[in-house]
Protein backbone atom coordinates (compact mmCIF):
# COMPACT_ATOMS: atom_id res chain seq x y z
CA GLN A 1 102.76 84.83 105.94
CA VAL A 2 103.45 88.41 104.97
CA GLN A 3 103.36 91.44 107.25
CA LEU A 4 102.80 94.91 105.89
CA VAL A 5 103.52 98.22 107.57
CA GLU A 6 102.38 101.45 105.99
CA SER A 7 103.61 105.01 106.57
CA GLY A 8 103.43 108.39 105.03
CA GLY A 9 99.77 109.39 105.47
CA GLY A 10 98.74 112.68 106.94
CA LEU A 11 97.02 115.96 106.42
CA VAL A 12 97.69 117.97 103.28
CA GLN A 13 96.06 120.87 101.55
CA ALA A 14 94.34 120.49 98.24
CA GLY A 15 96.84 120.51 95.43
CA GLY A 16 99.53 119.08 97.66
CA SER A 17 101.45 115.85 97.54
CA LEU A 18 102.06 112.81 99.75
CA ARG A 19 104.18 109.72 99.43
CA LEU A 20 102.92 106.53 101.03
CA SER A 21 105.31 103.66 101.81
CA CYS A 22 104.60 100.03 102.57
CA ALA A 23 107.24 97.65 103.90
CA ALA A 24 106.69 93.92 103.55
CA SER A 25 108.32 91.26 105.71
CA GLY A 26 107.94 87.55 106.06
CA SER A 27 107.55 85.38 102.93
CA ILE A 28 108.54 88.14 100.53
CA SER A 29 109.58 85.66 97.82
CA SER A 30 105.99 84.52 97.50
CA ILE A 31 104.68 87.95 96.69
CA VAL A 32 103.30 88.29 93.14
CA ALA A 33 101.40 91.57 93.38
CA MET A 34 101.55 94.70 95.52
CA GLY A 35 99.32 97.66 95.52
CA TRP A 36 97.18 100.26 97.26
CA TYR A 37 93.48 100.45 97.90
CA ARG A 38 91.54 103.13 99.71
CA GLN A 39 88.27 103.34 101.60
CA ALA A 40 86.43 106.60 102.33
CA PRO A 41 83.74 106.77 105.01
CA GLY A 42 80.53 105.18 103.75
CA LYS A 43 82.13 103.93 100.60
CA GLN A 44 83.51 100.60 99.40
CA ARG A 45 87.19 99.90 99.32
CA GLU A 46 88.53 100.68 95.83
CA LEU A 47 91.70 100.03 93.88
CA VAL A 48 94.14 102.96 93.75
CA ALA A 49 97.09 101.29 92.07
CA ARG A 50 98.46 97.84 91.74
CA THR A 51 101.59 96.30 90.17
CA SER A 52 101.97 92.64 89.23
CA GLY A 53 104.37 90.99 86.83
CA GLY A 54 105.36 94.35 85.37
CA VAL A 55 101.77 95.34 84.71
CA ILE A 56 100.44 98.42 86.57
CA ASN A 57 96.81 99.30 86.96
CA TYR A 58 95.37 102.48 88.36
CA GLY A 59 91.89 103.36 89.47
CA ASP A 60 89.99 105.52 86.94
CA PHE A 61 90.04 108.46 89.31
CA VAL A 62 93.80 108.64 89.42
CA LYS A 63 94.04 110.34 86.06
CA GLY A 64 97.81 110.50 86.04
CA ARG A 65 98.15 112.05 89.45
CA PHE A 66 99.54 109.06 91.32
CA THR A 67 102.56 106.76 90.63
CA ILE A 68 103.13 103.38 92.09
CA SER A 69 106.62 101.89 92.42
CA ARG A 70 108.47 99.10 94.14
CA ASN A 71 112.00 98.83 95.41
CA SER A 72 114.48 96.52 93.70
CA ALA A 73 114.14 93.86 96.41
CA LYS A 74 110.35 93.92 95.87
CA SER A 75 109.93 94.21 99.56
CA ALA A 76 108.31 97.65 99.54
CA VAL A 77 105.80 99.51 97.46
CA TYR A 78 105.32 103.25 97.27
CA LEU A 79 102.58 105.58 96.15
CA GLU A 80 103.49 109.07 95.08
CA MET A 81 100.30 111.16 95.11
CA ASN A 82 100.17 114.59 93.53
CA SER A 83 97.42 117.14 92.88
CA LEU A 84 95.42 115.83 95.79
CA THR A 85 91.84 116.83 96.22
CA PRO A 86 89.43 116.51 99.18
CA GLU A 87 87.91 113.58 97.33
CA ASP A 88 91.11 111.65 97.92
CA THR A 89 90.50 111.71 101.63
CA ALA A 90 90.40 108.08 102.81
CA VAL A 91 92.23 105.39 104.65
CA TYR A 92 94.79 103.89 102.28
CA TYR A 93 95.64 100.24 102.59
CA CYS A 94 98.65 98.38 101.31
CA ASN A 95 97.89 95.01 99.73
CA THR A 96 99.87 92.10 98.63
CA ALA A 97 98.98 88.82 96.97
CA THR A 98 101.06 85.67 97.31
CA LEU A 99 101.32 82.31 95.61
CA PRO A 100 101.13 79.37 95.36
CA ALA A 101 97.62 79.62 96.85
CA TRP A 102 96.49 83.11 95.98
CA LYS A 103 96.20 84.91 99.32
CA ASN A 104 95.71 88.54 100.09
CA TYR A 105 97.32 90.42 102.92
CA TRP A 106 96.47 93.90 104.11
CA GLY A 107 98.23 96.55 106.07
CA GLN A 108 96.61 98.37 108.95
CA GLY A 109 95.84 101.37 106.83
CA THR A 110 97.11 104.92 106.87
CA GLN A 111 94.84 108.00 106.93
CA VAL A 112 95.12 110.58 104.17
CA THR A 113 93.16 113.79 104.72
CA VAL A 114 93.06 116.51 102.09
CA SER A 115 91.73 119.85 103.21
CA SER A 116 90.11 122.31 100.85
């Protein structure tokens, strides 16, 4: 089992920046991937950024504005978001995947609101 706690969401003006953090606890050694997804009202949840085995993937909309990173203990993942626009407004969810049986875990979500 893995527990995830997110922090760092909030209200920011367009063009501003936010840094999201996600701390993992529990079976950390079984984590093979960590990342962030988001879900805006009326839309499907979508990938923001994900890191696994040294490979990083970003959603197409990121366009170089966001950076995902992990701490050395691989127990936390961060998302640095710059040049935010109102279209980035959503609930951002931390996600991890564990082995041996691939299993996904989700955080409770943190609201990001970008005002124009």
